[in-house]
Amino acid sequence: MNFENGYKPEFQMPHVWADGGLTKREYFAGLAMQGILSNSELFNGLVESNDGNAMDVVAVAAANQADAMLAELEKTA
């Protein structure tokens, strides 16, 4: 997937990344991951339905949510 808007550095955090910031995709994925991990019912449901390593499942779900958000934003841009 190539979301034109999703890979531009948006949030300047030079102490975190040498390139100077998080992309929108990274930021949205981090927020999604935070939400998943803070909701035990959602977390357990994802892990049970995917039979995989819990952290891999959460990472994939968070990235998918970020991609869905970027796709929706592209529609309204």
Protein backbone atom coordinates (compact mmCIF):
# COMPACT_ATOMS: atom_id res chain seq x y z
CA MET A 1 0.00 0.00 0.00
CA ASN A 2 1.18 3.46 -0.74
CA PHE A 3 -0.63 6.19 1.10
CA GLU A 4 0.97 9.34 -0.19
CA ASN A 5 0.21 11.21 3.00
CA GLY A 6 1.04 8.39 5.41
CA TYR A 7 4.79 8.24 5.03
CA LYS A 8 5.75 11.87 5.54
CA PRO A 9 7.38 12.74 8.86
CA GLU A 10 4.69 14.49 10.83
CA PHE A 11 5.58 14.48 14.49
CA GLN A 12 9.04 15.79 15.21
CA MET A 13 10.79 13.62 17.75
CA PRO A 14 14.53 13.87 17.04
CA HIS A 15 15.41 12.04 20.24
CA VAL A 16 13.47 8.98 19.01
CA TRP A 17 14.38 8.65 15.34
CA ALA A 18 17.40 10.00 13.53
CA ASP A 19 15.25 11.14 10.59
CA GLY A 20 13.42 13.52 12.86
CA GLY A 21 9.94 12.18 13.38
CA LEU A 22 7.13 9.71 13.16
CA THR A 23 5.09 9.27 10.02
CA LYS A 24 1.32 9.48 10.27
CA ARG A 25 1.21 5.71 9.75
CA GLU A 26 3.58 5.08 12.65
CA TYR A 27 1.67 7.48 14.86
CA PHE A 28 -1.73 5.96 14.03
CA ALA A 29 -0.37 2.43 14.53
CA GLY A 30 1.03 3.41 17.93
CA LEU A 31 -2.32 4.82 19.00
CA ALA A 32 -4.12 1.70 17.77
CA MET A 33 -1.65 -0.55 19.60
CA GLN A 34 -2.13 1.45 22.78
CA GLY A 35 -5.88 1.04 22.50
CA ILE A 36 -5.67 -2.70 21.84
CA LEU A 37 -3.31 -3.31 24.74
CA SER A 38 -5.43 -1.26 27.13
CA ASN A 39 -8.57 -3.26 26.36
CA SER A 40 -8.16 -6.81 27.66
CA GLU A 41 -11.37 -8.00 25.98
CA LEU A 42 -10.21 -6.77 22.57
CA PHE A 43 -6.66 -8.05 23.11
CA ASN A 44 -7.84 -11.52 24.19
CA GLY A 45 -10.29 -11.68 21.28
CA LEU A 46 -7.59 -10.86 18.76
CA VAL A 47 -5.19 -13.42 20.18
CA GLU A 48 -7.83 -16.17 20.44
CA SER A 49 -9.09 -15.62 16.90
CA ASN A 50 -5.62 -15.61 15.33
CA ASP A 51 -3.79 -18.46 17.07
CA GLY A 52 -0.53 -16.57 16.84
CA ASN A 53 2.08 -14.90 18.93
CA ALA A 54 0.20 -12.27 20.93
CA MET A 55 2.57 -9.43 20.14
CA ASP A 56 2.68 -10.26 16.42
CA VAL A 57 -1.12 -10.30 16.34
CA VAL A 58 -1.32 -6.91 18.05
CA ALA A 59 1.33 -5.40 15.78
CA VAL A 60 -0.45 -6.59 12.63
CA ALA A 61 -3.83 -5.39 13.91
CA ALA A 62 -2.40 -1.98 14.78
CA ALA A 63 -0.73 -1.61 11.37
CA ASN A 64 -3.95 -2.66 9.63
CA GLN A 65 -5.91 -0.10 11.62
CA ALA A 66 -3.39 2.62 10.69
CA ASP A 67 -3.68 1.67 7.02
CA ALA A 68 -7.48 1.76 7.23
CA MET A 69 -7.36 5.22 8.78
CA LEU A 70 -5.01 6.51 6.07
CA ALA A 71 -7.20 5.02 3.33
CA GLU A 72 -10.25 6.74 4.79
CA LEU A 73 -8.41 10.03 5.07
CA GLU A 74 -7.34 9.77 1.42
CA LYS A 75 -11.02 9.54 0.43
CA THR A 76 -11.84 12.82 2.10
CA ALA A 77 -8.71 14.72 1.10
